[in-house]
Amino acid sequence: MKNLKFDGKYKDMLLNGKKNATIRMGKVNLKPGDEVLIHAGGYVLGKARIKRVERKKVSELTDEDAVKDGFKNKEELLDALKEHYKNIKPDTEVTIIEFEFTKLLDKPILSADFPYEGNNPIEIAELALKHLKDLSFEEVALLKLFLQSGSLRKAAYKLGGLNKRYKIREVLRKAYEELKKMGIMEPKL
């Protein structure tokens, strides 16, 4: 599933429906009907469906575009765009993406945990060690290290650095998929 990510300062506007569009510089790989996850401030807020995708030049943006994006008027929108995109000019092409939430989460999920569809990675590791009998020696060792460390970051440092997080993530993803197949876990989103 594709993602639409927003600065945390837009979280409340997204949740209360004042922001149901976003304007991004350049071309965006989305089309009407696509489902996306809406992220703000490092959290997944829910799922949305893309309603409209339109390309315009910055000079063609309107007050209506601004209001859908949560701003009072075009001038306020342009100020925000200049804050996000330092080299934006009147002839710069932008994409307007209008969306509607199809599901809002009662409790936002950390974006980093979303590969596990809202499930807690620690719970995945515990259940994997308990139920998955075909884990390799290395996979068992990585899951145990993760549980002993209490976080991906700490476990990765013990493996030699933050760039080692992928090893633990791969094992957690594989374990989660196997636990889903067994009916032990299911997506929370």
N, C-alpha and C. Protein backbone atom coordinates (compact mmCIF):
# COMPACT_ATOMS: atom_id res chain seq x y z
N MET A 1 0.84 -1.17 0.00
CA MET A 1 0.00 0.00 0.00
C MET A 1 0.89 1.24 0.00
N LYS A 2 0.47 2.26 -0.72
CA LYS A 2 1.24 3.49 -0.82
C LYS A 2 1.00 4.36 0.42
N ASN A 3 1.87 5.33 0.58
CA ASN A 3 1.84 6.18 1.77
C ASN A 3 1.78 7.65 1.38
N LEU A 4 1.04 8.43 2.17
CA LEU A 4 1.07 9.89 2.08
C LEU A 4 1.56 10.36 3.45
N LYS A 5 2.70 11.02 3.46
CA LYS A 5 3.29 11.44 4.72
C LYS A 5 3.19 12.95 4.87
N PHE A 6 2.84 13.37 6.10
CA PHE A 6 2.67 14.79 6.42
C PHE A 6 3.51 15.15 7.63
N ASP A 7 3.89 16.39 7.70
CA ASP A 7 4.53 16.95 8.88
C ASP A 7 3.56 16.81 10.05
N GLY A 8 4.08 16.59 11.24
CA GLY A 8 3.25 16.42 12.42
C GLY A 8 2.35 17.61 12.73
N LYS A 9 2.72 18.79 12.24
CA LYS A 9 1.90 19.98 12.52
C LYS A 9 0.55 19.91 11.83
N TYR A 10 0.39 18.99 10.86
CA TYR A 10 -0.89 18.85 10.16
C TYR A 10 -1.78 17.74 10.74
N LYS A 11 -1.31 17.07 11.77
CA LYS A 11 -2.04 15.92 12.32
C LYS A 11 -3.48 16.27 12.70
N ASP A 12 -3.66 17.31 13.50
CA ASP A 12 -5.01 17.66 13.95
C ASP A 12 -5.92 18.06 12.78
N MET A 13 -5.37 18.78 11.82
CA MET A 13 -6.16 19.18 10.65
C MET A 13 -6.60 17.95 9.85
N LEU A 14 -5.73 16.95 9.76
CA LEU A 14 -6.09 15.72 9.07
C LEU A 14 -7.19 14.98 9.82
N LEU A 15 -7.02 14.88 11.13
CA LEU A 15 -7.97 14.12 11.94
C LEU A 15 -9.35 14.78 12.01
N ASN A 16 -9.39 16.12 12.00
CA ASN A 16 -10.69 16.78 12.10
C ASN A 16 -11.31 17.12 10.74
N GLY A 17 -10.67 16.66 9.66
CA GLY A 17 -11.25 16.82 8.33
C GLY A 17 -11.02 18.16 7.67
N LYS A 18 -10.24 19.05 8.28
CA LYS A 18 -9.97 20.35 7.66
C LYS A 18 -8.96 20.25 6.53
N LYS A 19 -8.19 19.17 6.53
CA LYS A 19 -7.19 18.95 5.48
C LYS A 19 -7.55 17.63 4.77
N ASN A 20 -8.06 17.75 3.55
CA ASN A 20 -8.39 16.55 2.80
C ASN A 20 -7.73 16.57 1.41
N ALA A 21 -6.66 17.33 1.33
CA ALA A 21 -5.87 17.39 0.10
C ALA A 21 -4.44 17.76 0.47
N THR A 22 -3.55 17.51 -0.46
CA THR A 22 -2.16 17.91 -0.29
C THR A 22 -1.62 18.30 -1.66
N ILE A 23 -0.69 19.21 -1.66
CA ILE A 23 -0.09 19.66 -2.91
C ILE A 23 1.39 19.33 -2.83
N ARG A 24 1.84 18.53 -3.79
CA ARG A 24 3.22 18.07 -3.81
C ARG A 24 3.90 18.54 -5.08
N MET A 25 5.18 18.85 -4.94
CA MET A 25 5.95 19.32 -6.08
C MET A 25 6.20 18.16 -7.05
N GLY A 26 6.06 18.44 -8.34
CA GLY A 26 6.34 17.43 -9.36
C GLY A 26 5.20 16.44 -9.54
N LYS A 27 5.53 15.36 -10.22
CA LYS A 27 4.56 14.32 -10.53
C LYS A 27 4.53 13.31 -9.39
N VAL A 28 3.33 12.83 -9.08
CA VAL A 28 3.15 11.87 -7.99
C VAL A 28 2.53 10.60 -8.57
N ASN A 29 2.99 9.46 -8.11
CA ASN A 29 2.52 8.18 -8.64
C ASN A 29 1.27 7.70 -7.90
N LEU A 30 0.20 8.47 -8.01
CA LEU A 30 -1.09 8.11 -7.41
C LEU A 30 -2.18 8.39 -8.43
N LYS A 31 -3.29 7.66 -8.31
CA LYS A 31 -4.44 7.90 -9.19
C LYS A 31 -5.72 7.73 -8.38
N PRO A 32 -6.82 8.30 -8.86
CA PRO A 32 -8.09 8.15 -8.15
C PRO A 32 -8.42 6.66 -7.92
N GLY A 33 -8.88 6.38 -6.71
CA GLY A 33 -9.21 5.01 -6.33
C GLY A 33 -8.11 4.31 -5.56
N ASP A 34 -6.86 4.80 -5.65
CA ASP A 34 -5.76 4.19 -4.88
C ASP A 34 -6.04 4.30 -3.39
N GLU A 35 -5.66 3.27 -2.64
CA GLU A 35 -5.72 3.34 -1.18
C GLU A 35 -4.34 3.70 -0.67
N VAL A 36 -4.30 4.58 0.32
CA VAL A 36 -3.02 5.01 0.90
C VAL A 36 -3.13 5.01 2.42
N LEU A 37 -1.99 4.93 3.04
CA LEU A 37 -1.90 5.13 4.48
C LEU A 37 -1.53 6.59 4.70
N ILE A 38 -2.21 7.23 5.64
CA ILE A 38 -1.93 8.62 5.96
C ILE A 38 -1.05 8.64 7.21
N HIS A 39 0.13 9.23 7.09
CA HIS A 39 1.09 9.36 8.19
C HIS A 39 1.21 10.84 8.56
N ALA A 40 1.36 11.12 9.84
CA ALA A 40 1.68 12.49 10.28
C ALA A 40 2.50 12.41 11.54
N GLY A 41 3.61 13.11 11.55
CA GLY A 41 4.46 13.15 12.73
C GLY A 41 4.99 11.79 13.15
N GLY A 42 5.22 10.89 12.20
CA GLY A 42 5.77 9.58 12.53
C GLY A 42 4.74 8.54 12.93
N TYR A 43 3.45 8.85 12.74
CA TYR A 43 2.38 7.91 13.10
C TYR A 43 1.46 7.68 11.91
N VAL A 44 0.96 6.45 11.79
CA VAL A 44 -0.08 6.16 10.82
C VAL A 44 -1.40 6.55 11.48
N LEU A 45 -2.16 7.42 10.81
CA LEU A 45 -3.44 7.87 11.35
C LEU A 45 -4.61 7.03 10.83
N GLY A 46 -4.45 6.47 9.63
CA GLY A 46 -5.52 5.66 9.08
C GLY A 46 -5.32 5.43 7.59
N LYS A 47 -6.37 4.87 6.97
CA LYS A 47 -6.37 4.61 5.53
C LYS A 47 -7.24 5.65 4.84
N ALA A 48 -6.88 5.95 3.60
CA ALA A 48 -7.66 6.89 2.80
C ALA A 48 -7.72 6.41 1.35
N ARG A 49 -8.71 6.91 0.64
CA ARG A 49 -8.86 6.63 -0.78
C ARG A 49 -8.61 7.93 -1.53
N ILE A 50 -7.85 7.84 -2.60
CA ILE A 50 -7.57 9.02 -3.43
C ILE A 50 -8.81 9.33 -4.26
N LYS A 51 -9.29 10.57 -4.14
CA LYS A 51 -10.48 11.01 -4.88
C LYS A 51 -10.12 11.69 -6.20
N ARG A 52 -9.04 12.50 -6.17
CA ARG A 52 -8.71 13.31 -7.34
C ARG A 52 -7.21 13.56 -7.36
N VAL A 53 -6.64 13.52 -8.55
CA VAL A 53 -5.23 13.87 -8.75
C VAL A 53 -5.20 14.82 -9.94
N GLU A 54 -4.64 16.00 -9.73
CA GLU A 54 -4.61 17.01 -10.79
C GLU A 54 -3.26 17.72 -10.80
N ARG A 55 -2.74 17.93 -12.00
CA ARG A 55 -1.47 18.65 -12.16
C ARG A 55 -1.76 20.10 -12.53
N LYS A 56 -1.02 21.00 -11.91
CA LYS A 56 -1.13 22.43 -12.20
C LYS A 56 0.23 23.07 -12.02
N LYS A 57 0.34 24.29 -12.52
CA LYS A 57 1.50 25.12 -12.19
C LYS A 57 1.14 25.87 -10.91
N VAL A 58 2.14 26.24 -10.14
CA VAL A 58 1.91 26.96 -8.90
C VAL A 58 1.07 28.21 -9.16
N SER A 59 1.32 28.89 -10.25
CA SER A 59 0.58 30.12 -10.56
C SER A 59 -0.91 29.87 -10.81
N GLU A 60 -1.28 28.62 -11.10
CA GLU A 60 -2.68 28.27 -11.38
C GLU A 60 -3.45 27.82 -10.14
N LEU A 61 -2.77 27.70 -9.01
CA LEU A 61 -3.45 27.28 -7.78
C LEU A 61 -4.50 28.32 -7.38
N THR A 62 -5.58 27.86 -6.74
CA THR A 62 -6.69 28.74 -6.38
C THR A 62 -6.92 28.74 -4.87
N ASP A 63 -7.77 29.66 -4.43
CA ASP A 63 -8.18 29.66 -3.02
C ASP A 63 -8.87 28.34 -2.67
N GLU A 64 -9.64 27.80 -3.61
CA GLU A 64 -10.32 26.52 -3.36
C GLU A 64 -9.31 25.40 -3.11
N ASP A 65 -8.23 25.36 -3.90
CA ASP A 65 -7.16 24.37 -3.68
C ASP A 65 -6.58 24.55 -2.28
N ALA A 66 -6.39 25.81 -1.89
CA ALA A 66 -5.80 26.12 -0.58
C ALA A 66 -6.70 25.64 0.56
N VAL A 67 -7.99 25.88 0.46
CA VAL A 67 -8.93 25.50 1.52
C VAL A 67 -8.96 23.98 1.68
N LYS A 68 -8.98 23.24 0.59
CA LYS A 68 -8.98 21.77 0.67
C LYS A 68 -7.70 21.26 1.33
N ASP A 69 -6.62 22.03 1.16
CA ASP A 69 -5.33 21.66 1.75
C ASP A 69 -5.20 22.19 3.18
N GLY A 70 -6.27 22.79 3.70
CA GLY A 70 -6.27 23.22 5.10
C GLY A 70 -5.81 24.64 5.35
N PHE A 71 -5.69 25.45 4.28
CA PHE A 71 -5.23 26.82 4.43
C PHE A 71 -6.38 27.80 4.19
N LYS A 72 -6.22 29.04 4.69
CA LYS A 72 -7.27 30.05 4.55
C LYS A 72 -7.43 30.52 3.12
N ASN A 73 -6.28 30.64 2.41
CA ASN A 73 -6.33 31.17 1.06
C ASN A 73 -5.05 30.78 0.31
N LYS A 74 -5.00 31.19 -0.95
CA LYS A 74 -3.87 30.84 -1.80
C LYS A 74 -2.54 31.39 -1.25
N GLU A 75 -2.57 32.61 -0.71
CA GLU A 75 -1.33 33.21 -0.20
C GLU A 75 -0.75 32.39 0.96
N GLU A 76 -1.62 31.96 1.85
CA GLU A 76 -1.16 31.14 2.99
C GLU A 76 -0.61 29.80 2.48
N LEU A 77 -1.27 29.23 1.48
CA LEU A 77 -0.80 27.98 0.87
C LEU A 77 0.58 28.18 0.25
N LEU A 78 0.76 29.27 -0.50
CA LEU A 78 2.05 29.53 -1.14
C LEU A 78 3.17 29.69 -0.12
N ASP A 79 2.87 30.34 1.01
CA ASP A 79 3.87 30.47 2.07
C ASP A 79 4.28 29.09 2.59
N ALA A 80 3.32 28.21 2.77
CA ALA A 80 3.61 26.86 3.26
C ALA A 80 4.41 26.07 2.23
N LEU A 81 4.05 26.19 0.96
CA LEU A 81 4.79 25.48 -0.09
C LEU A 81 6.24 25.95 -0.15
N LYS A 82 6.44 27.26 0.02
CA LYS A 82 7.81 27.79 0.01
C LYS A 82 8.61 27.29 1.21
N GLU A 83 7.93 27.04 2.31
CA GLU A 83 8.59 26.49 3.50
C GLU A 83 9.04 25.05 3.25
N HIS A 84 8.20 24.26 2.54
CA HIS A 84 8.52 22.86 2.27
C HIS A 84 9.46 22.68 1.08
N TYR A 85 9.30 23.52 0.06
CA TYR A 85 10.07 23.41 -1.18
C TYR A 85 10.78 24.73 -1.44
N LYS A 86 12.04 24.80 -1.11
CA LYS A 86 12.80 26.06 -1.17
C LYS A 86 12.90 26.63 -2.59
N ASN A 87 12.90 25.77 -3.61
CA ASN A 87 13.12 26.27 -4.98
C ASN A 87 11.83 26.32 -5.80
N ILE A 88 10.69 26.43 -5.16
CA ILE A 88 9.41 26.47 -5.88
C ILE A 88 9.22 27.85 -6.52
N LYS A 89 8.71 27.85 -7.76
CA LYS A 89 8.50 29.09 -8.52
C LYS A 89 7.10 29.06 -9.15
N PRO A 90 6.61 30.18 -9.67
CA PRO A 90 5.26 30.21 -10.26
C PRO A 90 5.05 29.18 -11.37
N ASP A 91 6.12 28.84 -12.13
CA ASP A 91 5.95 27.88 -13.23
C ASP A 91 6.26 26.43 -12.82
N THR A 92 6.53 26.21 -11.55
CA THR A 92 6.79 24.86 -11.05
C THR A 92 5.50 24.04 -11.12
N GLU A 93 5.61 22.82 -11.64
CA GLU A 93 4.44 21.94 -11.68
C GLU A 93 4.27 21.25 -10.34
N VAL A 94 3.02 21.21 -9.90
CA VAL A 94 2.68 20.54 -8.65
C VAL A 94 1.52 19.58 -8.92
N THR A 95 1.33 18.65 -8.00
CA THR A 95 0.23 17.71 -8.09
C THR A 95 -0.67 17.91 -6.88
N ILE A 96 -1.94 18.11 -7.17
CA ILE A 96 -2.95 18.23 -6.11
C ILE A 96 -3.54 16.84 -5.89
N ILE A 97 -3.48 16.37 -4.67
CA ILE A 97 -3.99 15.04 -4.33
C ILE A 97 -5.11 15.23 -3.31
N GLU A 98 -6.32 14.90 -3.72
CA GLU A 98 -7.47 14.99 -2.82
C GLU A 98 -7.80 13.58 -2.34
N PHE A 99 -8.10 13.44 -1.06
CA PHE A 99 -8.34 12.11 -0.48
C PHE A 99 -9.46 12.17 0.54
N GLU A 100 -9.98 10.98 0.88
CA GLU A 100 -10.95 10.89 1.97
C GLU A 100 -10.58 9.68 2.81
N PHE A 101 -10.63 9.86 4.13
CA PHE A 101 -10.35 8.76 5.03
C PHE A 101 -11.42 7.69 4.87
N THR A 102 -10.98 6.45 4.81
CA THR A 102 -11.91 5.32 4.83
C THR A 102 -11.87 4.63 6.19
N LYS A 103 -10.76 4.85 6.92
CA LYS A 103 -10.66 4.31 8.27
C LYS A 103 -9.69 5.15 9.07
N LEU A 104 -10.16 5.67 10.19
CA LEU A 104 -9.30 6.39 11.13
C LEU A 104 -9.00 5.44 12.28
N LEU A 105 -7.76 5.42 12.70
CA LEU A 105 -7.40 4.55 13.83
C LEU A 105 -7.81 5.19 15.15
N ASP A 106 -8.30 4.38 16.07
CA ASP A 106 -8.61 4.88 17.42
C ASP A 106 -7.34 5.35 18.10
N LYS A 107 -6.26 4.61 17.85
CA LYS A 107 -4.96 4.95 18.43
C LYS A 107 -3.92 4.89 17.31
N PRO A 108 -3.31 6.02 16.95
CA PRO A 108 -2.32 6.00 15.87
C PRO A 108 -1.19 5.00 16.15
N ILE A 109 -0.65 4.43 15.07
CA ILE A 109 0.41 3.43 15.14
C ILE A 109 1.71 4.09 14.69
N LEU A 110 2.80 3.83 15.39
CA LEU A 110 4.09 4.33 14.95
C LEU A 110 4.35 3.89 13.51
N SER A 111 4.74 4.80 12.66
CA SER A 111 5.00 4.46 11.26
C SER A 111 6.03 3.34 11.14
N ALA A 112 7.02 3.35 12.02
CA ALA A 112 8.06 2.31 11.98
C ALA A 112 7.50 0.92 12.27
N ASP A 113 6.38 0.85 13.00
CA ASP A 113 5.78 -0.45 13.32
C ASP A 113 4.79 -0.90 12.26
N PHE A 114 4.49 -0.05 11.29
CA PHE A 114 3.43 -0.40 10.37
C PHE A 114 3.72 -1.61 9.49
N PRO A 115 4.97 -1.93 9.17
CA PRO A 115 5.18 -3.13 8.36
C PRO A 115 4.52 -4.38 8.98
N TYR A 116 4.21 -4.29 10.24
CA TYR A 116 3.58 -5.42 10.94
C TYR A 116 2.08 -5.15 11.10
N GLU A 117 1.54 -4.28 10.26
CA GLU A 117 0.11 -3.96 10.21
C GLU A 117 -0.47 -3.59 11.57
N GLY A 118 0.34 -2.82 12.32
CA GLY A 118 -0.13 -2.32 13.60
C GLY A 118 0.18 -3.21 14.78
N ASN A 119 0.77 -4.36 14.55
CA ASN A 119 1.13 -5.26 15.65
C ASN A 119 2.47 -4.87 16.25
N ASN A 120 2.60 -5.09 17.52
CA ASN A 120 3.80 -4.74 18.26
C ASN A 120 4.94 -5.70 17.91
N PRO A 121 6.09 -5.19 17.49
CA PRO A 121 7.22 -6.05 17.13
C PRO A 121 7.69 -6.96 18.28
N ILE A 122 7.59 -6.47 19.50
CA ILE A 122 8.01 -7.31 20.64
C ILE A 122 7.08 -8.51 20.77
N GLU A 123 5.78 -8.27 20.61
CA GLU A 123 4.82 -9.37 20.66
C GLU A 123 5.07 -10.37 19.52
N ILE A 124 5.41 -9.86 18.35
CA ILE A 124 5.71 -10.73 17.20
C ILE A 124 6.90 -11.63 17.54
N ALA A 125 7.96 -11.03 18.08
CA ALA A 125 9.15 -11.80 18.42
C ALA A 125 8.83 -12.88 19.46
N GLU A 126 8.08 -12.52 20.49
CA GLU A 126 7.72 -13.49 21.53
C GLU A 126 6.91 -14.64 20.96
N LEU A 127 5.91 -14.31 20.15
CA LEU A 127 5.07 -15.36 19.56
C LEU A 127 5.84 -16.21 18.56
N ALA A 128 6.75 -15.60 17.83
CA ALA A 128 7.56 -16.35 16.87
C ALA A 128 8.42 -17.38 17.59
N LEU A 129 9.07 -16.97 18.66
CA LEU A 129 9.91 -17.92 19.40
C LEU A 129 9.08 -19.04 20.02
N LYS A 130 7.86 -18.75 20.36
CA LYS A 130 6.98 -19.75 20.98
C LYS A 130 6.36 -20.71 19.95
N HIS A 131 5.98 -20.19 18.78
CA HIS A 131 5.18 -20.99 17.84
C HIS A 131 5.88 -21.42 16.56
N LEU A 132 6.91 -20.72 16.13
CA LEU A 132 7.54 -21.05 14.84
C LEU A 132 8.73 -21.98 15.06
N LYS A 133 8.57 -23.19 14.60
CA LYS A 133 9.60 -24.22 14.82
C LYS A 133 10.65 -24.27 13.73
N ASP A 134 10.40 -23.62 12.59
CA ASP A 134 11.33 -23.70 11.46
C ASP A 134 12.26 -22.49 11.35
N LEU A 135 12.40 -21.72 12.42
CA LEU A 135 13.32 -20.59 12.41
C LEU A 135 14.76 -21.09 12.42
N SER A 136 15.62 -20.41 11.68
CA SER A 136 17.04 -20.78 11.67
C SER A 136 17.69 -20.35 12.99
N PHE A 137 18.87 -20.86 13.22
CA PHE A 137 19.62 -20.49 14.42
C PHE A 137 19.84 -18.98 14.45
N GLU A 138 20.20 -18.39 13.29
CA GLU A 138 20.44 -16.94 13.22
C GLU A 138 19.16 -16.16 13.51
N GLU A 139 18.02 -16.62 12.97
CA GLU A 139 16.76 -15.92 13.20
C GLU A 139 16.37 -15.95 14.68
N VAL A 140 16.56 -17.10 15.32
CA VAL A 140 16.27 -17.21 16.75
C VAL A 140 17.18 -16.27 17.53
N ALA A 141 18.47 -16.24 17.16
CA ALA A 141 19.42 -15.37 17.86
C ALA A 141 19.05 -13.90 17.70
N LEU A 142 18.63 -13.50 16.50
CA LEU A 142 18.25 -12.10 16.27
C LEU A 142 16.99 -11.72 17.05
N LEU A 143 16.01 -12.62 17.08
CA LEU A 143 14.79 -12.33 17.84
C LEU A 143 15.08 -12.23 19.34
N LYS A 144 15.93 -13.12 19.85
CA LYS A 144 16.29 -13.07 21.27
C LYS A 144 17.06 -11.79 21.59
N LEU A 145 17.98 -11.40 20.72
CA LEU A 145 18.74 -10.16 20.92
C LEU A 145 17.79 -8.97 20.94
N PHE A 146 16.84 -8.95 20.02
CA PHE A 146 15.85 -7.88 19.97
C PHE A 146 15.06 -7.82 21.27
N LEU A 147 14.60 -8.96 21.75
CA LEU A 147 13.81 -8.98 22.99
C LEU A 147 14.65 -8.56 24.19
N GLN A 148 15.89 -9.02 24.25
CA GLN A 148 16.76 -8.64 25.37
C GLN A 148 17.09 -7.15 25.34
N SER A 149 17.26 -6.61 24.15
CA SER A 149 17.62 -5.19 24.00
C SER A 149 16.42 -4.28 24.22
N GLY A 150 15.24 -4.74 23.86
CA GLY A 150 14.03 -3.95 24.05
C GLY A 150 13.70 -2.99 22.93
N SER A 151 14.58 -2.85 21.94
CA SER A 151 14.28 -1.98 20.80
C SER A 151 15.15 -2.37 19.61
N LEU A 152 14.66 -2.04 18.43
CA LEU A 152 15.44 -2.29 17.21
C LEU A 152 16.76 -1.54 17.24
N ARG A 153 16.69 -0.29 17.67
CA ARG A 153 17.89 0.55 17.72
C ARG A 153 18.98 -0.06 18.60
N LYS A 154 18.62 -0.44 19.81
CA LYS A 154 19.61 -1.02 20.73
C LYS A 154 20.16 -2.34 20.21
N ALA A 155 19.27 -3.17 19.64
CA ALA A 155 19.72 -4.46 19.10
C ALA A 155 20.66 -4.24 17.92
N ALA A 156 20.32 -3.26 17.06
CA ALA A 156 21.17 -2.98 15.90
C ALA A 156 22.56 -2.52 16.34
N TYR A 157 22.63 -1.68 17.36
CA TYR A 157 23.95 -1.25 17.87
C TYR A 157 24.77 -2.43 18.35
N LYS A 158 24.12 -3.40 18.98
CA LYS A 158 24.83 -4.60 19.44
C LYS A 158 25.32 -5.45 18.27
N LEU A 159 24.64 -5.31 17.12
CA LEU A 159 25.07 -6.04 15.92
C LEU A 159 26.15 -5.28 15.15
N GLY A 160 26.40 -4.02 15.52
CA GLY A 160 27.45 -3.26 14.85
C GLY A 160 27.04 -1.90 14.33
N GLY A 161 25.78 -1.51 14.50
CA GLY A 161 25.37 -0.18 14.05
C GLY A 161 23.94 -0.15 13.56
N LEU A 162 23.42 1.08 13.46
CA LEU A 162 22.02 1.25 13.04
C LEU A 162 21.73 0.64 11.67
N ASN A 163 22.75 0.57 10.82
CA ASN A 163 22.54 0.01 9.49
C ASN A 163 22.24 -1.50 9.54
N LYS A 164 22.29 -2.10 10.71
CA LYS A 164 21.98 -3.53 10.87
C LYS A 164 20.52 -3.77 11.23
N ARG A 165 19.73 -2.69 11.38
CA ARG A 165 18.31 -2.86 11.73
C ARG A 165 17.58 -3.73 10.72
N TYR A 166 17.99 -3.64 9.45
CA TYR A 166 17.29 -4.39 8.41
C TYR A 166 17.27 -5.89 8.70
N LYS A 167 18.35 -6.40 9.32
CA LYS A 167 18.40 -7.85 9.62
C LYS A 167 17.27 -8.25 10.56
N ILE A 168 17.05 -7.45 11.58
CA ILE A 168 16.00 -7.77 12.56
C ILE A 168 14.63 -7.54 11.93
N ARG A 169 14.50 -6.48 11.17
CA ARG A 169 13.22 -6.20 10.50
C ARG A 169 12.82 -7.33 9.56
N GLU A 170 13.80 -7.85 8.82
CA GLU A 170 13.50 -8.96 7.89
C GLU A 170 12.96 -10.17 8.65
N VAL A 171 13.59 -10.50 9.77
CA VAL A 171 13.14 -11.65 10.56
C VAL A 171 11.75 -11.38 11.14
N LEU A 172 11.53 -10.17 11.63
CA LEU A 172 10.21 -9.83 12.18
C LEU A 172 9.12 -9.89 11.11
N ARG A 173 9.42 -9.39 9.92
CA ARG A 173 8.42 -9.44 8.83
C ARG A 173 8.09 -10.88 8.46
N LYS A 174 9.14 -11.70 8.32
CA LYS A 174 8.93 -13.11 7.97
C LYS A 174 8.12 -13.80 9.07
N ALA A 175 8.48 -13.56 10.32
CA ALA A 175 7.78 -14.18 11.45
C ALA A 175 6.32 -13.73 11.47
N TYR A 176 6.09 -12.45 11.24
CA TYR A 176 4.72 -11.94 11.26
C TYR A 176 3.88 -12.61 10.18
N GLU A 177 4.43 -12.73 8.98
CA GLU A 177 3.69 -13.38 7.89
C GLU A 177 3.36 -14.83 8.24
N GLU A 178 4.30 -15.54 8.85
CA GLU A 178 4.06 -16.93 9.24
C GLU A 178 3.00 -17.01 10.34
N LEU A 179 3.08 -16.10 11.30
CA LEU A 179 2.08 -16.08 12.39
C LEU A 179 0.69 -15.77 11.84
N LYS A 180 0.62 -14.91 10.83
CA LYS A 180 -0.67 -14.61 10.19
C LYS A 180 -1.22 -15.86 9.51
N LYS A 181 -0.36 -16.57 8.77
CA LYS A 181 -0.79 -17.79 8.08
C LYS A 181 -1.33 -18.82 9.06
N MET A 182 -0.74 -18.86 10.24
CA MET A 182 -1.16 -19.82 11.27
C MET A 182 -2.40 -19.36 12.02
N GLY A 183 -2.83 -18.12 11.78
CA GLY A 183 -4.02 -17.58 12.46
C GLY A 183 -3.73 -17.11 13.87
N ILE A 184 -2.47 -16.95 14.21
CA ILE A 184 -2.08 -16.52 15.56
C ILE A 184 -2.15 -14.99 15.68
N MET A 185 -1.85 -14.31 14.58
CA MET A 185 -1.92 -12.84 14.56
C MET A 185 -2.72 -12.40 13.36
N GLU A 186 -3.29 -11.21 13.46
CA GLU A 186 -4.01 -10.62 12.33
C GLU A 186 -3.76 -9.13 12.30
N PRO A 187 -3.95 -8.52 11.13
CA PRO A 187 -3.72 -7.07 11.01
C PRO A 187 -4.64 -6.28 11.94
N LYS A 188 -4.09 -5.20 12.50
CA LYS A 188 -4.91 -4.32 13.34
C LYS A 188 -5.43 -3.13 12.55
N LEU A 189 -5.02 -3.02 11.30
CA LEU A 189 -5.51 -1.93 10.46
C LEU A 189 -6.12 -2.49 9.21
